[in-house]
Amino acid sequence: MKKVVLVIVGILVLLVAVSGCGYNGLVKLDEDVKTKWAQVETQYQRRSDLIPNLVSTVKGAAKFEQGTLTQVIEARSKASQITIDPDKLTEENMQKYQAAQGQLSQALGKLMVLTENYPELKATQQFSELSAQLEGTENRITVARKDFNESVQTYNTKVRSFPNNLTAGIFGFSQKAAFKADAGAQNAPKVEF
């Protein structure tokens, strides 16, 4: 009887200790990171969905450089094939994802610069609307990435702080990777006329 009481008291003490060790807080922050990641993916998907309409508009309104259109289409295809499981937000996975999205951004940038040579294209309402939507989407991506990075920072701080680092180690919570600036982003682009 004495052993049974000791076991029950031990279990109760363990439950109280575990509930106060930060496990629930880690779960909450982990879910927040996953939600913020889903928002990032949603905004990239929105951009990806706009691209076929933009390419079709450009094709229909101008005799356009086929290589640029092909680059945009191929970059979109590569970018939409790469997905990351929110539980595997490692540095390596984030670099692959960012590289694919960066290639798409570069191809879109080149497309938008080349459209400057086609005033009749810029004058069409459909192109203007698609350009505005694309610009808005790029802004949404920036905000979603910022929110995601803030969420990752809060999560990683909790995972690394004592005594939560002990709980994190026991229950398998590991640090998550955040978005980083693209290589060369610190350099201002050169504009030549």
N, C-alpha and C. Protein backbone atom coordinates (compact mmCIF):
# COMPACT_ATOMS: atom_id res chain seq x y z
N MET A 1 0.83 -1.19 0.00
CA MET A 1 0.00 0.00 0.00
C MET A 1 0.87 1.25 0.00
N LYS A 2 1.94 1.22 0.77
CA LYS A 2 2.83 2.36 0.87
C LYS A 2 3.51 2.64 -0.48
N LYS A 3 3.87 1.57 -1.20
CA LYS A 3 4.50 1.72 -2.51
C LYS A 3 3.53 2.31 -3.52
N VAL A 4 2.29 1.90 -3.45
CA VAL A 4 1.27 2.40 -4.38
C VAL A 4 1.07 3.90 -4.18
N VAL A 5 1.01 4.32 -2.92
CA VAL A 5 0.85 5.74 -2.61
C VAL A 5 2.06 6.51 -3.09
N LEU A 6 3.25 5.97 -2.90
CA LEU A 6 4.47 6.63 -3.36
C LEU A 6 4.50 6.74 -4.88
N VAL A 7 4.06 5.71 -5.57
CA VAL A 7 4.01 5.72 -7.03
C VAL A 7 3.02 6.78 -7.51
N ILE A 8 1.84 6.84 -6.90
CA ILE A 8 0.83 7.83 -7.28
C ILE A 8 1.33 9.24 -7.01
N VAL A 9 1.94 9.45 -5.84
CA VAL A 9 2.49 10.77 -5.52
C VAL A 9 3.60 11.12 -6.51
N GLY A 10 4.44 10.14 -6.85
CA GLY A 10 5.52 10.36 -7.82
C GLY A 10 4.97 10.75 -9.18
N ILE A 11 3.91 10.08 -9.61
CA ILE A 11 3.29 10.40 -10.90
C ILE A 11 2.71 11.80 -10.87
N LEU A 12 2.04 12.16 -9.78
CA LEU A 12 1.47 13.50 -9.65
C LEU A 12 2.57 14.57 -9.67
N VAL A 13 3.65 14.32 -8.95
CA VAL A 13 4.76 15.26 -8.94
C VAL A 13 5.35 15.39 -10.35
N LEU A 14 5.50 14.27 -11.05
CA LEU A 14 6.02 14.29 -12.41
C LEU A 14 5.10 15.07 -13.35
N LEU A 15 3.78 14.88 -13.24
CA LEU A 15 2.83 15.61 -14.07
C LEU A 15 2.89 17.11 -13.82
N VAL A 16 2.99 17.49 -12.55
CA VAL A 16 3.10 18.91 -12.21
C VAL A 16 4.41 19.47 -12.75
N ALA A 17 5.49 18.72 -12.63
CA ALA A 17 6.80 19.18 -13.12
C ALA A 17 6.79 19.34 -14.64
N VAL A 18 6.20 18.36 -15.33
CA VAL A 18 6.17 18.42 -16.79
C VAL A 18 5.29 19.58 -17.26
N SER A 19 4.17 19.82 -16.57
CA SER A 19 3.29 20.90 -17.00
C SER A 19 3.96 22.26 -16.81
N GLY A 20 4.87 22.37 -15.89
CA GLY A 20 5.55 23.64 -15.65
C GLY A 20 6.90 23.75 -16.33
N CYS A 21 7.28 22.75 -17.12
CA CYS A 21 8.61 22.74 -17.71
C CYS A 21 8.67 23.44 -19.05
N GLY A 22 7.58 23.94 -19.53
CA GLY A 22 7.59 24.66 -20.78
C GLY A 22 7.17 23.86 -21.99
N TYR A 23 6.78 22.62 -21.81
CA TYR A 23 6.39 21.78 -22.94
C TYR A 23 5.23 22.41 -23.70
N ASN A 24 4.19 22.82 -22.98
CA ASN A 24 3.02 23.40 -23.64
C ASN A 24 3.38 24.69 -24.37
N GLY A 25 4.26 25.47 -23.80
CA GLY A 25 4.72 26.70 -24.46
C GLY A 25 5.48 26.39 -25.74
N LEU A 26 6.29 25.34 -25.70
CA LEU A 26 7.04 24.94 -26.89
C LEU A 26 6.09 24.46 -27.99
N VAL A 27 5.08 23.72 -27.60
CA VAL A 27 4.10 23.24 -28.58
C VAL A 27 3.39 24.43 -29.22
N LYS A 28 3.00 25.39 -28.40
CA LYS A 28 2.30 26.57 -28.91
C LYS A 28 3.18 27.34 -29.89
N LEU A 29 4.43 27.54 -29.54
CA LEU A 29 5.35 28.27 -30.42
C LEU A 29 5.64 27.48 -31.70
N ASP A 30 5.75 26.16 -31.58
CA ASP A 30 5.98 25.32 -32.75
C ASP A 30 4.80 25.44 -33.72
N GLU A 31 3.60 25.43 -33.19
CA GLU A 31 2.41 25.57 -34.03
C GLU A 31 2.35 26.96 -34.66
N ASP A 32 2.80 27.97 -33.94
CA ASP A 32 2.83 29.32 -34.49
C ASP A 32 3.80 29.39 -35.66
N VAL A 33 4.96 28.76 -35.54
CA VAL A 33 5.93 28.72 -36.64
C VAL A 33 5.30 28.03 -37.85
N LYS A 34 4.62 26.93 -37.62
CA LYS A 34 3.99 26.19 -38.73
C LYS A 34 2.91 27.04 -39.41
N THR A 35 2.15 27.78 -38.63
CA THR A 35 1.12 28.64 -39.19
C THR A 35 1.74 29.76 -40.02
N LYS A 36 2.79 30.36 -39.49
CA LYS A 36 3.46 31.43 -40.22
C LYS A 36 4.10 30.89 -41.50
N TRP A 37 4.62 29.67 -41.44
CA TRP A 37 5.20 29.06 -42.64
C TRP A 37 4.10 28.84 -43.69
N ALA A 38 2.95 28.42 -43.25
CA ALA A 38 1.83 28.22 -44.18
C ALA A 38 1.46 29.54 -44.86
N GLN A 39 1.55 30.65 -44.14
CA GLN A 39 1.27 31.95 -44.73
C GLN A 39 2.31 32.31 -45.78
N VAL A 40 3.56 31.99 -45.52
CA VAL A 40 4.62 32.24 -46.51
C VAL A 40 4.32 31.43 -47.77
N GLU A 41 4.02 30.16 -47.60
CA GLU A 41 3.72 29.31 -48.76
C GLU A 41 2.49 29.81 -49.51
N THR A 42 1.50 30.29 -48.80
CA THR A 42 0.30 30.81 -49.43
C THR A 42 0.62 31.99 -50.33
N GLN A 43 1.47 32.89 -49.86
CA GLN A 43 1.81 34.06 -50.66
C GLN A 43 2.67 33.68 -51.87
N TYR A 44 3.57 32.72 -51.70
CA TYR A 44 4.34 32.26 -52.86
C TYR A 44 3.42 31.56 -53.86
N GLN A 45 2.44 30.83 -53.37
CA GLN A 45 1.49 30.17 -54.27
C GLN A 45 0.67 31.22 -55.03
N ARG A 46 0.30 32.28 -54.35
CA ARG A 46 -0.46 33.36 -55.01
C ARG A 46 0.38 33.93 -56.15
N ARG A 47 1.65 34.16 -55.90
CA ARG A 47 2.53 34.68 -56.95
C ARG A 47 2.61 33.68 -58.09
N SER A 48 2.77 32.42 -57.75
CA SER A 48 2.88 31.37 -58.76
C SER A 48 1.61 31.30 -59.61
N ASP A 49 0.47 31.52 -59.00
CA ASP A 49 -0.80 31.48 -59.72
C ASP A 49 -0.97 32.67 -60.67
N LEU A 50 -0.37 33.81 -60.34
CA LEU A 50 -0.47 34.99 -61.19
C LEU A 50 0.41 34.89 -62.44
N ILE A 51 1.48 34.15 -62.34
CA ILE A 51 2.48 34.13 -63.42
C ILE A 51 1.91 33.65 -64.76
N PRO A 52 1.13 32.56 -64.83
CA PRO A 52 0.62 32.15 -66.15
C PRO A 52 -0.22 33.24 -66.82
N ASN A 53 -1.01 33.97 -66.03
CA ASN A 53 -1.81 35.06 -66.60
C ASN A 53 -0.91 36.18 -67.12
N LEU A 54 0.12 36.49 -66.37
CA LEU A 54 1.05 37.54 -66.78
C LEU A 54 1.77 37.14 -68.07
N VAL A 55 2.25 35.90 -68.12
CA VAL A 55 2.95 35.42 -69.31
C VAL A 55 2.02 35.41 -70.51
N SER A 56 0.79 34.97 -70.33
CA SER A 56 -0.18 34.96 -71.44
C SER A 56 -0.46 36.36 -71.94
N THR A 57 -0.58 37.29 -71.04
CA THR A 57 -0.83 38.69 -71.43
C THR A 57 0.34 39.24 -72.23
N VAL A 58 1.54 38.96 -71.75
CA VAL A 58 2.72 39.45 -72.44
C VAL A 58 2.83 38.81 -73.82
N LYS A 59 2.59 37.51 -73.91
CA LYS A 59 2.66 36.81 -75.20
C LYS A 59 1.67 37.41 -76.19
N GLY A 60 0.46 37.68 -75.70
CA GLY A 60 -0.59 38.17 -76.59
C GLY A 60 -0.40 39.60 -77.03
N ALA A 61 0.29 40.41 -76.28
CA ALA A 61 0.38 41.83 -76.57
C ALA A 61 1.68 42.24 -77.25
N ALA A 62 2.68 41.39 -77.28
CA ALA A 62 3.96 41.79 -77.86
C ALA A 62 4.68 40.58 -78.44
N LYS A 63 5.49 40.87 -79.43
CA LYS A 63 6.40 39.82 -79.92
C LYS A 63 7.57 39.85 -78.96
N PHE A 64 7.49 39.01 -77.99
CA PHE A 64 8.39 39.11 -76.85
C PHE A 64 9.55 38.15 -76.97
N GLU A 65 10.59 38.42 -76.26
CA GLU A 65 11.76 37.56 -76.24
C GLU A 65 11.37 36.21 -75.63
N GLN A 66 11.36 35.18 -76.46
CA GLN A 66 10.89 33.86 -76.04
C GLN A 66 11.73 33.30 -74.90
N GLY A 67 13.04 33.59 -74.90
CA GLY A 67 13.92 33.06 -73.85
C GLY A 67 13.50 33.54 -72.46
N THR A 68 13.08 34.78 -72.36
CA THR A 68 12.66 35.33 -71.07
C THR A 68 11.39 34.64 -70.59
N LEU A 69 10.44 34.47 -71.50
CA LEU A 69 9.19 33.78 -71.12
C LEU A 69 9.48 32.35 -70.69
N THR A 70 10.37 31.68 -71.41
CA THR A 70 10.74 30.31 -71.05
C THR A 70 11.39 30.27 -69.67
N GLN A 71 12.27 31.24 -69.37
CA GLN A 71 12.91 31.30 -68.05
C GLN A 71 11.87 31.45 -66.94
N VAL A 72 10.90 32.32 -67.15
CA VAL A 72 9.87 32.54 -66.15
C VAL A 72 9.07 31.27 -65.92
N ILE A 73 8.68 30.63 -67.01
CA ILE A 73 7.87 29.40 -66.89
C ILE A 73 8.66 28.29 -66.19
N GLU A 74 9.94 28.12 -66.57
CA GLU A 74 10.76 27.08 -65.95
C GLU A 74 11.02 27.38 -64.48
N ALA A 75 11.30 28.64 -64.16
CA ALA A 75 11.56 29.01 -62.76
C ALA A 75 10.31 28.80 -61.92
N ARG A 76 9.16 29.11 -62.47
CA ARG A 76 7.89 28.89 -61.75
C ARG A 76 7.70 27.41 -61.48
N SER A 77 7.99 26.60 -62.48
CA SER A 77 7.83 25.15 -62.33
C SER A 77 8.74 24.61 -61.23
N LYS A 78 10.00 25.03 -61.23
CA LYS A 78 10.95 24.58 -60.20
C LYS A 78 10.54 25.05 -58.81
N ALA A 79 10.13 26.31 -58.74
CA ALA A 79 9.76 26.88 -57.44
C ALA A 79 8.53 26.20 -56.86
N SER A 80 7.59 25.83 -57.70
CA SER A 80 6.37 25.21 -57.17
C SER A 80 6.57 23.73 -56.85
N GLN A 81 7.67 23.13 -57.30
CA GLN A 81 7.94 21.73 -56.98
C GLN A 81 8.59 21.56 -55.61
N ILE A 82 9.22 22.61 -55.11
CA ILE A 82 9.93 22.52 -53.84
C ILE A 82 9.00 22.95 -52.71
N THR A 83 8.75 22.03 -51.81
CA THR A 83 7.98 22.33 -50.61
C THR A 83 8.76 21.83 -49.41
N ILE A 84 8.46 22.42 -48.27
CA ILE A 84 9.14 22.01 -47.04
C ILE A 84 8.10 21.64 -46.00
N ASP A 85 8.29 20.49 -45.40
CA ASP A 85 7.46 20.08 -44.27
C ASP A 85 7.79 21.03 -43.12
N PRO A 86 6.78 21.66 -42.49
CA PRO A 86 7.07 22.60 -41.40
C PRO A 86 7.85 21.98 -40.24
N ASP A 87 7.83 20.67 -40.12
CA ASP A 87 8.61 20.01 -39.07
C ASP A 87 10.08 19.87 -39.47
N LYS A 88 10.40 20.17 -40.73
CA LYS A 88 11.77 20.01 -41.23
C LYS A 88 12.30 21.33 -41.78
N LEU A 89 12.13 22.39 -41.02
CA LEU A 89 12.61 23.71 -41.43
C LEU A 89 14.09 23.84 -41.08
N THR A 90 14.90 23.02 -41.75
CA THR A 90 16.33 23.04 -41.50
C THR A 90 17.00 24.09 -42.39
N GLU A 91 18.22 24.42 -42.06
CA GLU A 91 19.00 25.39 -42.83
C GLU A 91 19.11 24.95 -44.29
N GLU A 92 19.41 23.68 -44.51
CA GLU A 92 19.58 23.14 -45.86
C GLU A 92 18.29 23.23 -46.67
N ASN A 93 17.16 22.82 -46.07
CA ASN A 93 15.88 22.88 -46.76
C ASN A 93 15.48 24.32 -47.09
N MET A 94 15.74 25.23 -46.16
CA MET A 94 15.41 26.63 -46.40
C MET A 94 16.26 27.20 -47.53
N GLN A 95 17.53 26.81 -47.61
CA GLN A 95 18.39 27.31 -48.68
C GLN A 95 17.89 26.85 -50.05
N LYS A 96 17.46 25.59 -50.15
CA LYS A 96 16.92 25.07 -51.41
C LYS A 96 15.65 25.83 -51.80
N TYR A 97 14.78 26.04 -50.83
CA TYR A 97 13.53 26.74 -51.08
C TYR A 97 13.80 28.18 -51.53
N GLN A 98 14.67 28.86 -50.80
CA GLN A 98 14.99 30.25 -51.13
C GLN A 98 15.66 30.35 -52.49
N ALA A 99 16.51 29.40 -52.83
CA ALA A 99 17.19 29.44 -54.13
C ALA A 99 16.17 29.35 -55.27
N ALA A 100 15.21 28.44 -55.14
CA ALA A 100 14.20 28.28 -56.18
C ALA A 100 13.33 29.54 -56.29
N GLN A 101 12.94 30.09 -55.16
CA GLN A 101 12.12 31.30 -55.18
C GLN A 101 12.93 32.49 -55.70
N GLY A 102 14.22 32.52 -55.40
CA GLY A 102 15.08 33.58 -55.89
C GLY A 102 15.22 33.55 -57.41
N GLN A 103 15.33 32.35 -57.97
CA GLN A 103 15.42 32.23 -59.43
C GLN A 103 14.14 32.75 -60.08
N LEU A 104 13.01 32.45 -59.46
CA LEU A 104 11.74 32.93 -60.00
C LEU A 104 11.66 34.45 -59.89
N SER A 105 12.10 35.01 -58.78
CA SER A 105 12.10 36.46 -58.62
C SER A 105 12.97 37.14 -59.68
N GLN A 106 14.14 36.55 -59.94
CA GLN A 106 15.03 37.12 -60.95
C GLN A 106 14.40 37.06 -62.34
N ALA A 107 13.78 35.94 -62.67
CA ALA A 107 13.15 35.80 -63.98
C ALA A 107 11.99 36.79 -64.13
N LEU A 108 11.21 36.95 -63.08
CA LEU A 108 10.11 37.92 -63.12
C LEU A 108 10.64 39.34 -63.25
N GLY A 109 11.71 39.64 -62.55
CA GLY A 109 12.31 40.96 -62.65
C GLY A 109 12.76 41.26 -64.07
N LYS A 110 13.38 40.28 -64.70
CA LYS A 110 13.83 40.44 -66.08
C LYS A 110 12.64 40.64 -67.01
N LEU A 111 11.57 39.90 -66.77
CA LEU A 111 10.36 40.03 -67.58
C LEU A 111 9.79 41.45 -67.46
N MET A 112 9.73 41.95 -66.24
CA MET A 112 9.16 43.28 -66.02
C MET A 112 10.05 44.36 -66.64
N VAL A 113 11.35 44.20 -66.60
CA VAL A 113 12.26 45.18 -67.21
C VAL A 113 12.08 45.17 -68.73
N LEU A 114 11.98 43.99 -69.32
CA LEU A 114 11.84 43.91 -70.77
C LEU A 114 10.50 44.46 -71.26
N THR A 115 9.49 44.44 -70.42
CA THR A 115 8.19 44.98 -70.84
C THR A 115 8.25 46.49 -71.05
N GLU A 116 9.29 47.13 -70.49
CA GLU A 116 9.45 48.57 -70.68
C GLU A 116 9.62 48.91 -72.17
N ASN A 117 10.10 47.94 -72.95
CA ASN A 117 10.31 48.17 -74.39
C ASN A 117 9.02 48.08 -75.19
N TYR A 118 7.92 47.76 -74.53
CA TYR A 118 6.65 47.57 -75.22
C TYR A 118 5.58 48.48 -74.62
N PRO A 119 5.55 49.74 -75.05
CA PRO A 119 4.59 50.69 -74.47
C PRO A 119 3.14 50.25 -74.67
N GLU A 120 2.85 49.58 -75.80
CA GLU A 120 1.47 49.13 -76.02
C GLU A 120 1.07 48.05 -75.00
N LEU A 121 2.05 47.27 -74.54
CA LEU A 121 1.78 46.26 -73.52
C LEU A 121 1.50 46.93 -72.18
N LYS A 122 2.33 47.90 -71.82
CA LYS A 122 2.14 48.60 -70.54
C LYS A 122 0.82 49.34 -70.51
N ALA A 123 0.30 49.70 -71.68
CA ALA A 123 -0.94 50.46 -71.73
C ALA A 123 -2.18 49.58 -71.57
N THR A 124 -2.03 48.27 -71.71
CA THR A 124 -3.22 47.43 -71.60
C THR A 124 -3.65 47.31 -70.14
N GLN A 125 -4.96 47.33 -69.95
CA GLN A 125 -5.50 47.29 -68.59
C GLN A 125 -5.17 45.96 -67.91
N GLN A 126 -5.24 44.86 -68.65
CA GLN A 126 -4.97 43.56 -68.05
C GLN A 126 -3.53 43.48 -67.54
N PHE A 127 -2.58 43.97 -68.33
CA PHE A 127 -1.19 43.94 -67.88
C PHE A 127 -1.00 44.83 -66.66
N SER A 128 -1.61 46.00 -66.68
CA SER A 128 -1.50 46.91 -65.54
C SER A 128 -2.06 46.28 -64.27
N GLU A 129 -3.21 45.62 -64.39
CA GLU A 129 -3.83 44.98 -63.22
C GLU A 129 -2.96 43.83 -62.72
N LEU A 130 -2.45 43.01 -63.64
CA LEU A 130 -1.60 41.89 -63.24
C LEU A 130 -0.31 42.38 -62.60
N SER A 131 0.26 43.44 -63.14
CA SER A 131 1.49 44.01 -62.55
C SER A 131 1.23 44.51 -61.14
N ALA A 132 0.11 45.17 -60.95
CA ALA A 132 -0.25 45.67 -59.61
C ALA A 132 -0.47 44.51 -58.64
N GLN A 133 -1.14 43.46 -59.12
CA GLN A 133 -1.35 42.29 -58.26
C GLN A 133 -0.02 41.63 -57.90
N LEU A 134 0.86 41.55 -58.87
CA LEU A 134 2.16 40.94 -58.62
C LEU A 134 2.96 41.77 -57.62
N GLU A 135 2.93 43.08 -57.76
CA GLU A 135 3.62 43.96 -56.82
C GLU A 135 3.03 43.80 -55.41
N GLY A 136 1.70 43.74 -55.32
CA GLY A 136 1.06 43.53 -54.02
C GLY A 136 1.43 42.19 -53.41
N THR A 137 1.52 41.18 -54.26
CA THR A 137 1.90 39.85 -53.79
C THR A 137 3.33 39.85 -53.27
N GLU A 138 4.23 40.53 -53.96
CA GLU A 138 5.61 40.62 -53.49
C GLU A 138 5.66 41.28 -52.11
N ASN A 139 4.84 42.30 -51.91
CA ASN A 139 4.78 42.95 -50.59
C ASN A 139 4.23 41.99 -49.54
N ARG A 140 3.21 41.22 -49.91
CA ARG A 140 2.66 40.24 -48.97
C ARG A 140 3.69 39.17 -48.61
N ILE A 141 4.49 38.76 -49.60
CA ILE A 141 5.55 37.78 -49.34
C ILE A 141 6.53 38.35 -48.34
N THR A 142 6.90 39.61 -48.51
CA THR A 142 7.84 40.25 -47.58
C THR A 142 7.29 40.26 -46.17
N VAL A 143 6.02 40.61 -46.02
CA VAL A 143 5.40 40.65 -44.69
C VAL A 143 5.32 39.24 -44.09
N ALA A 144 4.92 38.26 -44.91
CA ALA A 144 4.81 36.88 -44.41
C ALA A 144 6.17 36.35 -43.99
N ARG A 145 7.22 36.65 -44.75
CA ARG A 145 8.57 36.21 -44.38
C ARG A 145 9.02 36.87 -43.07
N LYS A 146 8.72 38.16 -42.91
CA LYS A 146 9.07 38.88 -41.68
C LYS A 146 8.34 38.25 -40.48
N ASP A 147 7.05 38.01 -40.62
CA ASP A 147 6.29 37.39 -39.54
C ASP A 147 6.82 36.00 -39.21
N PHE A 148 7.16 35.24 -40.25
CA PHE A 148 7.73 33.90 -40.05
C PHE A 148 9.04 33.99 -39.29
N ASN A 149 9.94 34.89 -39.70
CA ASN A 149 11.23 35.03 -39.03
C ASN A 149 11.06 35.43 -37.57
N GLU A 150 10.12 36.31 -37.28
CA GLU A 150 9.87 36.70 -35.88
C GLU A 150 9.37 35.50 -35.07
N SER A 151 8.51 34.69 -35.67
CA SER A 151 7.99 33.51 -35.00
C SER A 151 9.11 32.49 -34.74
N VAL A 152 9.98 32.31 -35.73
CA VAL A 152 11.12 31.39 -35.58
C VAL A 152 12.06 31.90 -34.48
N GLN A 153 12.28 33.20 -34.45
CA GLN A 153 13.16 33.76 -33.42
C GLN A 153 12.60 33.50 -32.02
N THR A 154 11.32 33.73 -31.84
CA THR A 154 10.68 33.48 -30.53
C THR A 154 10.79 32.00 -30.16
N TYR A 155 10.50 31.14 -31.12
CA TYR A 155 10.57 29.69 -30.89
C TYR A 155 12.00 29.27 -30.54
N ASN A 156 12.97 29.68 -31.36
CA ASN A 156 14.36 29.29 -31.13
C ASN A 156 14.88 29.81 -29.79
N THR A 157 14.47 31.00 -29.40
CA THR A 157 14.87 31.55 -28.11
C THR A 157 14.36 30.66 -26.98
N LYS A 158 13.12 30.23 -27.09
CA LYS A 158 12.53 29.38 -26.05
C LYS A 158 13.23 28.01 -26.03
N VAL A 159 13.50 27.46 -27.20
CA VAL A 159 14.14 26.14 -27.29
C VAL A 159 15.54 26.17 -26.68
N ARG A 160 16.23 27.30 -26.81
CA ARG A 160 17.61 27.40 -26.34
C ARG A 160 17.72 27.88 -24.90
N SER A 161 16.64 28.41 -24.31
CA SER A 161 16.70 28.99 -22.96
C SER A 161 16.51 27.91 -21.90
N PHE A 162 17.23 28.09 -20.79
CA PHE A 162 17.11 27.18 -19.66
C PHE A 162 15.86 27.54 -18.86
N PRO A 163 15.08 26.63 -18.38
CA PRO A 163 15.15 25.18 -18.42
C PRO A 163 14.44 24.57 -19.62
N ASN A 164 13.90 25.43 -20.50
CA ASN A 164 13.17 24.90 -21.65
C ASN A 164 14.06 24.08 -22.57
N ASN A 165 15.36 24.36 -22.59
CA ASN A 165 16.25 23.58 -23.45
C ASN A 165 16.28 22.11 -23.02
N LEU A 166 16.10 21.87 -21.72
CA LEU A 166 16.04 20.48 -21.23
C LEU A 166 14.78 19.80 -21.75
N THR A 167 13.66 20.49 -21.63
CA THR A 167 12.39 19.94 -22.11
C THR A 167 12.45 19.75 -23.62
N ALA A 168 12.99 20.73 -24.32
CA ALA A 168 13.09 20.64 -25.77
C ALA A 168 13.92 19.43 -26.18
N GLY A 169 15.02 19.20 -25.49
CA GLY A 169 15.87 18.04 -25.79
C GLY A 169 15.16 16.73 -25.54
N ILE A 170 14.42 16.65 -24.44
CA ILE A 170 13.71 15.43 -24.09
C ILE A 170 12.63 15.11 -25.11
N PHE A 171 11.88 16.14 -25.54
CA PHE A 171 10.74 15.91 -26.41
C PHE A 171 11.03 16.16 -27.89
N GLY A 172 12.28 16.40 -28.24
CA GLY A 172 12.67 16.48 -29.65
C GLY A 172 12.36 17.80 -30.34
N PHE A 173 12.22 18.88 -29.60
CA PHE A 173 12.05 20.19 -30.22
C PHE A 173 13.44 20.71 -30.59
N SER A 174 13.64 21.01 -31.87
CA SER A 174 14.93 21.52 -32.30
C SER A 174 14.75 22.89 -32.94
N GLN A 175 15.86 23.61 -33.09
CA GLN A 175 15.80 24.94 -33.68
C GLN A 175 15.31 24.85 -35.13
N LYS A 176 14.68 25.92 -35.58
CA LYS A 176 14.19 25.99 -36.95
C LYS A 176 14.96 27.09 -37.68
N ALA A 177 15.09 26.92 -38.98
CA ALA A 177 15.81 27.90 -39.80
C ALA A 177 14.87 29.01 -40.23
N ALA A 178 15.42 30.19 -40.36
CA ALA A 178 14.66 31.35 -40.81
C ALA A 178 15.10 31.73 -42.22
N PHE A 179 14.34 32.63 -42.84
CA PHE A 179 14.75 33.17 -44.13
C PHE A 179 15.96 34.06 -43.93
N LYS A 180 16.84 34.05 -44.89
CA LYS A 180 18.00 34.92 -44.88
C LYS A 180 18.00 35.73 -46.17
N ALA A 181 18.71 36.82 -46.16
CA ALA A 181 18.82 37.64 -47.37
C ALA A 181 19.51 36.84 -48.46
N ASP A 182 19.11 37.09 -49.68
CA ASP A 182 19.75 36.43 -50.82
C ASP A 182 21.19 36.89 -50.93
N ALA A 183 22.03 36.04 -51.47
CA ALA A 183 23.44 36.39 -51.65
C ALA A 183 23.54 37.64 -52.51
N GLY A 184 24.34 38.58 -52.07
CA GLY A 184 24.52 39.82 -52.81
C GLY A 184 23.46 40.87 -52.57
N ALA A 185 22.51 40.58 -51.70
CA ALA A 185 21.42 41.53 -51.43
C ALA A 185 21.92 42.82 -50.79
N GLN A 186 23.08 42.76 -50.16
CA GLN A 186 23.62 43.95 -49.51
C GLN A 186 24.15 44.97 -50.52
N ASN A 187 24.36 44.54 -51.77
CA ASN A 187 24.86 45.43 -52.81
C ASN A 187 23.71 46.06 -53.57
N ALA A 188 23.77 47.35 -53.77
CA ALA A 188 22.74 48.04 -54.56
C ALA A 188 22.86 47.63 -56.01
N PRO A 189 21.72 47.40 -56.67
CA PRO A 189 21.78 47.01 -58.09
C PRO A 189 22.25 48.19 -58.94
N LYS A 190 22.95 47.90 -60.02
CA LYS A 190 23.41 48.94 -60.94
C LYS A 190 22.35 49.11 -62.01
N VAL A 191 21.97 50.35 -62.23
CA VAL A 191 21.00 50.67 -63.26
C VAL A 191 21.73 51.44 -64.35
N GLU A 192 21.67 50.88 -65.55
CA GLU A 192 22.36 51.51 -66.67
C GLU A 192 21.35 51.84 -67.76
N PHE A 193 21.50 53.03 -68.30
CA PHE A 193 20.60 53.46 -69.37
C PHE A 193 21.38 53.60 -70.67
